[in-house]
Amino acid sequence: AQWGGSSLTNLDETLPQAGVQPHQIPSTYV
């Protein structure tokens, strides 16, 4: 979490609710 880059480690980002979308790397990727 020191350098962020993911909604799983950055509390300022919103976690996605729609699940994994085809051909799209989700924001929860760390």
PDB file of all heavy atoms in Angstrom:
ATOM      1  N   ALA A   1       0.828  -1.218   0.000  1.00  0.00           N
ATOM      2  CA  ALA A   1       0.000   0.000   0.000  1.00  0.00           C
ATOM      3  C   ALA A   1       0.859   1.264   0.000  1.00  0.00           C
ATOM      4  O   ALA A   1       0.335   2.362  -0.211  1.00  0.00           O
ATOM      5  CB  ALA A   1      -0.918   0.012   1.210  1.00  0.00           C
ATOM      6  N   GLN A   2       2.153   1.130   0.206  1.00  0.00           N
ATOM      7  CA  GLN A   2       3.020   2.303   0.278  1.00  0.00           C
ATOM      8  C   GLN A   2       2.956   3.144  -0.984  1.00  0.00           C
ATOM      9  O   GLN A   2       3.046   4.368  -0.935  1.00  0.00           O
ATOM     10  CB  GLN A   2       4.473   1.876   0.517  1.00  0.00           C
ATOM     11  CG  GLN A   2       4.732   1.286   1.890  1.00  0.00           C
ATOM     12  CD  GLN A   2       6.191   0.955   2.083  1.00  0.00           C
ATOM     13  OE1 GLN A   2       6.997   1.812   2.417  1.00  0.00           O
ATOM     14  NE2 GLN A   2       6.530  -0.300   1.849  1.00  0.00           N
ATOM     15  N   TRP A   3       2.796   2.464  -2.127  1.00  0.00           N
ATOM     16  CA  TRP A   3       2.769   3.213  -3.386  1.00  0.00           C
ATOM     17  C   TRP A   3       1.413   3.138  -4.082  1.00  0.00           C
ATOM     18  O   TRP A   3       1.257   3.594  -5.204  1.00  0.00           O
ATOM     19  CB  TRP A   3       3.860   2.727  -4.342  1.00  0.00           C
ATOM     20  CG  TRP A   3       4.040   1.232  -4.357  1.00  0.00           C
ATOM     21  CD1 TRP A   3       3.269   0.295  -4.965  1.00  0.00           C
ATOM     22  CD2 TRP A   3       5.097   0.513  -3.716  1.00  0.00           C
ATOM     23  NE1 TRP A   3       3.751  -0.960  -4.745  1.00  0.00           N
ATOM     24  CE2 TRP A   3       4.882  -0.855  -3.985  1.00  0.00           C
ATOM     25  CE3 TRP A   3       6.199   0.896  -2.951  1.00  0.00           C
ATOM     26  CZ2 TRP A   3       5.745  -1.852  -3.509  1.00  0.00           C
ATOM     27  CZ3 TRP A   3       7.036  -0.093  -2.492  1.00  0.00           C
ATOM     28  CH2 TRP A   3       6.813  -1.443  -2.754  1.00  0.00           C
ATOM     29  N   GLY A   4       0.415   2.560  -3.423  1.00  0.00           N
ATOM     30  CA  GLY A   4      -0.951   2.584  -3.962  1.00  0.00           C
ATOM     31  C   GLY A   4      -1.090   1.805  -5.259  1.00  0.00           C
ATOM     32  O   GLY A   4      -0.457   0.776  -5.455  1.00  0.00           O
ATOM     33  N   GLY A   5      -1.929   2.325  -6.141  1.00  0.00           N
ATOM     34  CA  GLY A   5      -2.133   1.677  -7.436  1.00  0.00           C
ATOM     35  C   GLY A   5      -3.271   0.684  -7.469  1.00  0.00           C
ATOM     36  O   GLY A   5      -3.477   0.004  -8.478  1.00  0.00           O
ATOM     37  N   SER A   6      -4.035   0.573  -6.370  1.00  0.00           N
ATOM     38  CA  SER A   6      -5.131  -0.388  -6.320  1.00  0.00           C
ATOM     39  C   SER A   6      -6.200   0.091  -5.350  1.00  0.00           C
ATOM     40  O   SER A   6      -5.892   0.670  -4.302  1.00  0.00           O
ATOM     41  CB  SER A   6      -4.620  -1.757  -5.862  1.00  0.00           C
ATOM     42  OG  SER A   6      -5.696  -2.640  -5.579  1.00  0.00           O
ATOM     43  N   SER A   7      -7.459  -0.184  -5.693  1.00  0.00           N
ATOM     44  CA  SER A   7      -8.541   0.168  -4.775  1.00  0.00           C
ATOM     45  C   SER A   7      -8.563  -0.737  -3.552  1.00  0.00           C
ATOM     46  O   SER A   7      -9.242  -0.438  -2.567  1.00  0.00           O
ATOM     47  CB  SER A   7      -9.893   0.107  -5.496  1.00  0.00           C
ATOM     48  OG  SER A   7     -10.148  -1.194  -6.009  1.00  0.00           O
ATOM     49  N   LEU A   8      -7.826  -1.838  -3.578  1.00  0.00           N
ATOM     50  CA  LEU A   8      -7.750  -2.718  -2.408  1.00  0.00           C
ATOM     51  C   LEU A   8      -6.812  -2.173  -1.338  1.00  0.00           C
ATOM     52  O   LEU A   8      -6.898  -2.560  -0.177  1.00  0.00           O
ATOM     53  CB  LEU A   8      -7.278  -4.122  -2.815  1.00  0.00           C
ATOM     54  CG  LEU A   8      -8.296  -5.053  -3.459  1.00  0.00           C
ATOM     55  CD1 LEU A   8      -7.694  -6.434  -3.631  1.00  0.00           C
ATOM     56  CD2 LEU A   8      -9.582  -5.140  -2.656  1.00  0.00           C
ATOM     57  N   THR A   9      -5.909  -1.281  -1.748  1.00  0.00           N
ATOM     58  CA  THR A   9      -4.941  -0.754  -0.793  1.00  0.00           C
ATOM     59  C   THR A   9      -5.052   0.756  -0.594  1.00  0.00           C
ATOM     60  O   THR A   9      -4.438   1.299   0.322  1.00  0.00           O
ATOM     61  CB  THR A   9      -3.502  -1.074  -1.253  1.00  0.00           C
ATOM     62  OG1 THR A   9      -3.274  -0.509  -2.550  1.00  0.00           O
ATOM     63  CG2 THR A   9      -3.277  -2.574  -1.321  1.00  0.00           C
ATOM     64  N   ASN A  10      -5.822   1.430  -1.428  1.00  0.00           N
ATOM     65  CA  ASN A  10      -5.976   2.883  -1.342  1.00  0.00           C
ATOM     66  C   ASN A  10      -7.373   3.214  -0.852  1.00  0.00           C
ATOM     67  O   ASN A  10      -8.357   3.019  -1.579  1.00  0.00           O
ATOM     68  CB  ASN A  10      -5.715   3.523  -2.704  1.00  0.00           C
ATOM     69  CG  ASN A  10      -5.678   5.043  -2.634  1.00  0.00           C
ATOM     70  OD1 ASN A  10      -6.130   5.647  -1.657  1.00  0.00           O
ATOM     71  ND2 ASN A  10      -5.149   5.674  -3.676  1.00  0.00           N
ATOM     72  N   LEU A  11      -7.484   3.714   0.355  1.00  0.00           N
ATOM     73  CA  LEU A  11      -8.792   3.997   0.941  1.00  0.00           C
ATOM     74  C   LEU A  11      -9.510   5.148   0.256  1.00  0.00           C
ATOM     75  O   LEU A  11     -10.713   5.339   0.454  1.00  0.00           O
ATOM     76  CB  LEU A  11      -8.635   4.309   2.438  1.00  0.00           C
ATOM     77  CG  LEU A  11      -8.103   3.170   3.312  1.00  0.00           C
ATOM     78  CD1 LEU A  11      -7.965   3.637   4.753  1.00  0.00           C
ATOM     79  CD2 LEU A  11      -9.014   1.951   3.222  1.00  0.00           C
ATOM     80  N   ASP A  12      -8.790   5.919  -0.569  1.00  0.00           N
ATOM     81  CA  ASP A  12      -9.413   7.030  -1.283  1.00  0.00           C
ATOM     82  C   ASP A  12     -10.148   6.566  -2.538  1.00  0.00           C
ATOM     83  O   ASP A  12     -10.905   7.325  -3.141  1.00  0.00           O
ATOM     84  CB  ASP A  12      -8.362   8.075  -1.674  1.00  0.00           C
ATOM     85  CG  ASP A  12      -7.769   8.773  -0.456  1.00  0.00           C
ATOM     86  OD1 ASP A  12      -8.495   8.909   0.553  1.00  0.00           O
ATOM     87  OD2 ASP A  12      -6.594   9.168  -0.516  1.00  0.00           O
ATOM     88  N   GLU A  13      -9.911   5.321  -2.939  1.00  0.00           N
ATOM     89  CA  GLU A  13     -10.579   4.772  -4.118  1.00  0.00           C
ATOM     90  C   GLU A  13     -11.795   3.947  -3.692  1.00  0.00           C
ATOM     91  O   GLU A  13     -11.821   3.361  -2.611  1.00  0.00           O
ATOM     92  CB  GLU A  13      -9.615   3.905  -4.929  1.00  0.00           C
ATOM     93  CG  GLU A  13      -8.460   4.677  -5.547  1.00  0.00           C
ATOM     94  CD  GLU A  13      -7.651   3.805  -6.494  1.00  0.00           C
ATOM     95  OE1 GLU A  13      -8.230   2.890  -7.117  1.00  0.00           O
ATOM     96  OE2 GLU A  13      -6.430   4.049  -6.608  1.00  0.00           O
ATOM     97  N   THR A  14     -12.783   3.907  -4.572  1.00  0.00           N
ATOM     98  CA  THR A  14     -14.009   3.149  -4.308  1.00  0.00           C
ATOM     99  C   THR A  14     -13.879   1.747  -4.870  1.00  0.00           C
ATOM    100  O   THR A  14     -13.460   1.560  -6.017  1.00  0.00           O
ATOM    101  CB  THR A  14     -15.222   3.848  -4.942  1.00  0.00           C
ATOM    102  OG1 THR A  14     -15.323   5.173  -4.412  1.00  0.00           O
ATOM    103  CG2 THR A  14     -16.505   3.070  -4.639  1.00  0.00           C
ATOM    104  N   LEU A  15     -14.232   0.761  -4.073  1.00  0.00           N
ATOM    105  CA  LEU A  15     -14.209  -0.619  -4.555  1.00  0.00           C
ATOM    106  C   LEU A  15     -15.296  -0.836  -5.599  1.00  0.00           C
ATOM    107  O   LEU A  15     -16.436  -0.420  -5.406  1.00  0.00           O
ATOM    108  CB  LEU A  15     -14.415  -1.592  -3.394  1.00  0.00           C
ATOM    109  CG  LEU A  15     -13.249  -1.770  -2.428  1.00  0.00           C
ATOM    110  CD1 LEU A  15     -13.678  -2.598  -1.236  1.00  0.00           C
ATOM    111  CD2 LEU A  15     -12.064  -2.421  -3.131  1.00  0.00           C
ATOM    112  N   PRO A  16     -14.983  -1.501  -6.707  1.00  0.00           N
ATOM    113  CA  PRO A  16     -16.007  -1.777  -7.732  1.00  0.00           C
ATOM    114  C   PRO A  16     -17.017  -2.793  -7.219  1.00  0.00           C
ATOM    115  O   PRO A  16     -16.673  -3.684  -6.437  1.00  0.00           O
ATOM    116  CB  PRO A  16     -15.192  -2.331  -8.899  1.00  0.00           C
ATOM    117  CG  PRO A  16     -13.979  -2.931  -8.255  1.00  0.00           C
ATOM    118  CD  PRO A  16     -13.677  -2.050  -7.073  1.00  0.00           C
ATOM    119  N   GLN A  17     -18.254  -2.663  -7.669  1.00  0.00           N
ATOM    120  CA  GLN A  17     -19.325  -3.558  -7.229  1.00  0.00           C
ATOM    121  C   GLN A  17     -19.802  -4.500  -8.328  1.00  0.00           C
ATOM    122  O   GLN A  17     -20.555  -5.428  -8.067  1.00  0.00           O
ATOM    123  CB  GLN A  17     -20.514  -2.728  -6.728  1.00  0.00           C
ATOM    124  CG  GLN A  17     -20.172  -1.783  -5.575  1.00  0.00           C
ATOM    125  CD  GLN A  17     -19.683  -2.522  -4.348  1.00  0.00           C
ATOM    126  OE1 GLN A  17     -20.203  -3.572  -3.982  1.00  0.00           O
ATOM    127  NE2 GLN A  17     -18.653  -1.971  -3.694  1.00  0.00           N
ATOM    128  N   ALA A  18     -19.350  -4.280  -9.566  1.00  0.00           N
ATOM    129  CA  ALA A  18     -19.894  -5.032 -10.701  1.00  0.00           C
ATOM    130  C   ALA A  18     -19.118  -6.298 -11.010  1.00  0.00           C
ATOM    131  O   ALA A  18     -19.503  -7.060 -11.895  1.00  0.00           O
ATOM    132  CB  ALA A  18     -19.924  -4.137 -11.944  1.00  0.00           C
ATOM    133  N   GLY A  19     -18.012  -6.558 -10.294  1.00  0.00           N
ATOM    134  CA  GLY A  19     -17.233  -7.753 -10.564  1.00  0.00           C
ATOM    135  C   GLY A  19     -16.287  -7.545 -11.735  1.00  0.00           C
ATOM    136  O   GLY A  19     -16.150  -6.451 -12.276  1.00  0.00           O
ATOM    137  N   VAL A  20     -15.622  -8.640 -12.144  1.00  0.00           N
ATOM    138  CA  VAL A  20     -14.650  -8.575 -13.226  1.00  0.00           C
ATOM    139  C   VAL A  20     -15.352  -8.381 -14.555  1.00  0.00           C
ATOM    140  O   VAL A  20     -16.283  -9.114 -14.894  1.00  0.00           O
ATOM    141  CB  VAL A  20     -13.791  -9.859 -13.259  1.00  0.00           C
ATOM    142  CG1 VAL A  20     -12.837  -9.842 -14.443  1.00  0.00           C
ATOM    143  CG2 VAL A  20     -13.012 -10.012 -11.954  1.00  0.00           C
ATOM    144  N   GLN A  21     -14.904  -7.376 -15.332  1.00  0.00           N
ATOM    145  CA  GLN A  21     -15.469  -7.098 -16.645  1.00  0.00           C
ATOM    146  C   GLN A  21     -14.542  -7.649 -17.726  1.00  0.00           C
ATOM    147  O   GLN A  21     -13.311  -7.577 -17.592  1.00  0.00           O
ATOM    148  CB  GLN A  21     -15.644  -5.588 -16.831  1.00  0.00           C
ATOM    149  CG  GLN A  21     -16.507  -4.929 -15.769  1.00  0.00           C
ATOM    150  CD  GLN A  21     -17.924  -5.475 -15.755  1.00  0.00           C
ATOM    151  OE1 GLN A  21     -18.570  -5.596 -16.797  1.00  0.00           O
ATOM    152  NE2 GLN A  21     -18.408  -5.814 -14.568  1.00  0.00           N
ATOM    153  N   PRO A  22     -15.111  -8.203 -18.796  1.00  0.00           N
ATOM    154  CA  PRO A  22     -14.278  -8.764 -19.871  1.00  0.00           C
ATOM    155  C   PRO A  22     -13.318  -7.724 -20.446  1.00  0.00           C
ATOM    156  O   PRO A  22     -13.688  -6.570 -20.653  1.00  0.00           O
ATOM    157  CB  PRO A  22     -15.308  -9.207 -20.913  1.00  0.00           C
ATOM    158  CG  PRO A  22     -16.575  -9.390 -20.146  1.00  0.00           C
ATOM    159  CD  PRO A  22     -16.549  -8.353 -19.056  1.00  0.00           C
ATOM    160  N   HIS A  23     -12.075  -8.145 -20.690  1.00  0.00           N
ATOM    161  CA  HIS A  23     -11.064  -7.319 -21.352  1.00  0.00           C
ATOM    162  C   HIS A  23     -10.765  -6.030 -20.594  1.00  0.00           C
ATOM    163  O   HIS A  23     -10.392  -5.024 -21.200  1.00  0.00           O
ATOM    164  CB  HIS A  23     -11.494  -6.997 -22.791  1.00  0.00           C
ATOM    165  CG  HIS A  23     -11.965  -8.182 -23.561  1.00  0.00           C
ATOM    166  ND1 HIS A  23     -11.141  -9.253 -23.862  1.00  0.00           N
ATOM    167  CD2 HIS A  23     -13.198  -8.487 -24.063  1.00  0.00           C
ATOM    168  CE1 HIS A  23     -11.837 -10.161 -24.533  1.00  0.00           C
ATOM    169  NE2 HIS A  23     -13.076  -9.728 -24.660  1.00  0.00           N
ATOM    170  N   GLN A  24     -10.918  -6.060 -19.285  1.00  0.00           N
ATOM    171  CA  GLN A  24     -10.653  -4.874 -18.485  1.00  0.00           C
ATOM    172  C   GLN A  24      -9.983  -5.287 -17.177  1.00  0.00           C
ATOM    173  O   GLN A  24     -10.514  -6.107 -16.429  1.00  0.00           O
ATOM    174  CB  GLN A  24     -11.954  -4.118 -18.198  1.00  0.00           C
ATOM    175  CG  GLN A  24     -11.762  -2.869 -17.351  1.00  0.00           C
ATOM    176  CD  GLN A  24     -13.082  -2.139 -17.097  1.00  0.00           C
ATOM    177  OE1 GLN A  24     -14.058  -2.338 -17.821  1.00  0.00           O
ATOM    178  NE2 GLN A  24     -13.109  -1.324 -16.074  1.00  0.00           N
ATOM    179  N   ILE A  25      -8.816  -4.731 -16.910  1.00  0.00           N
ATOM    180  CA  ILE A  25      -8.137  -5.014 -15.655  1.00  0.00           C
ATOM    181  C   ILE A  25      -8.804  -4.185 -14.565  1.00  0.00           C
ATOM    182  O   ILE A  25      -8.837  -2.956 -14.649  1.00  0.00           O
ATOM    183  CB  ILE A  25      -6.645  -4.674 -15.748  1.00  0.00           C
ATOM    184  CG1 ILE A  25      -5.976  -5.564 -16.799  1.00  0.00           C
ATOM    185  CG2 ILE A  25      -5.967  -4.867 -14.385  1.00  0.00           C
ATOM    186  CD1 ILE A  25      -4.514  -5.250 -17.030  1.00  0.00           C
ATOM    187  N   PRO A  26      -9.372  -4.805 -13.552  1.00  0.00           N
ATOM    188  CA  PRO A  26     -10.142  -4.072 -12.537  1.00  0.00           C
ATOM    189  C   PRO A  26      -9.252  -3.252 -11.617  1.00  0.00           C
ATOM    190  O   PRO A  26      -8.048  -3.510 -11.484  1.00  0.00           O
ATOM    191  CB  PRO A  26     -10.856  -5.188 -11.771  1.00  0.00           C
ATOM    192  CG  PRO A  26      -9.976  -6.376 -11.945  1.00  0.00           C
ATOM    193  CD  PRO A  26      -9.378  -6.258 -13.314  1.00  0.00           C
ATOM    194  N   SER A  27      -9.859  -2.281 -10.961  1.00  0.00           N
ATOM    195  CA  SER A  27      -9.109  -1.417 -10.044  1.00  0.00           C
ATOM    196  C   SER A  27      -8.615  -2.174  -8.819  1.00  0.00           C
ATOM    197  O   SER A  27      -7.741  -1.694  -8.099  1.00  0.00           O
ATOM    198  CB  SER A  27      -9.979  -0.234  -9.603  1.00  0.00           C
ATOM    199  OG  SER A  27     -11.041  -0.676  -8.762  1.00  0.00           O
ATOM    200  N   THR A  28      -9.161  -3.369  -8.575  1.00  0.00           N
ATOM    201  CA  THR A  28      -8.722  -4.182  -7.439  1.00  0.00           C
ATOM    202  C   THR A  28      -7.419  -4.929  -7.722  1.00  0.00           C
ATOM    203  O   THR A  28      -6.869  -5.567  -6.810  1.00  0.00           O
ATOM    204  CB  THR A  28      -9.811  -5.196  -7.060  1.00  0.00           C
ATOM    205  OG1 THR A  28     -10.212  -5.910  -8.233  1.00  0.00           O
ATOM    206  CG2 THR A  28     -11.007  -4.498  -6.444  1.00  0.00           C
ATOM    207  N   TYR A  29      -6.949  -4.856  -8.949  1.00  0.00           N
ATOM    208  CA  TYR A  29      -5.635  -5.440  -9.263  1.00  0.00           C
ATOM    209  C   TYR A  29      -4.566  -4.702  -8.461  1.00  0.00           C
ATOM    210  O   TYR A  29      -4.479  -3.473  -8.489  1.00  0.00           O
ATOM    211  CB  TYR A  29      -5.351  -5.330 -10.762  1.00  0.00           C
ATOM    212  CG  TYR A  29      -3.902  -5.551 -11.136  1.00  0.00           C
ATOM    213  CD1 TYR A  29      -3.333  -6.822 -11.044  1.00  0.00           C
ATOM    214  CD2 TYR A  29      -3.105  -4.490 -11.558  1.00  0.00           C
ATOM    215  CE1 TYR A  29      -2.005  -7.026 -11.377  1.00  0.00           C
ATOM    216  CE2 TYR A  29      -1.777  -4.688 -11.889  1.00  0.00           C
ATOM    217  CZ  TYR A  29      -1.232  -5.957 -11.799  1.00  0.00           C
ATOM    218  OH  TYR A  29       0.082  -6.160 -12.121  1.00  0.00           O
ATOM    219  N   VAL A  30      -3.750  -5.467  -7.724  1.00  0.00           N
ATOM    220  CA  VAL A  30      -2.664  -4.886  -6.928  1.00  0.00           C
ATOM    221  C   VAL A  30      -1.357  -5.117  -7.679  1.00  0.00           C
ATOM    222  O   VAL A  30      -0.958  -6.271  -7.883  1.00  0.00           O
ATOM    223  CB  VAL A  30      -2.585  -5.526  -5.527  1.00  0.00           C
ATOM    224  CG1 VAL A  30      -1.438  -4.928  -4.727  1.00  0.00           C
ATOM    225  CG2 VAL A  30      -3.908  -5.350  -4.783  1.00  0.00           C
TER     226      VAL A  30
END
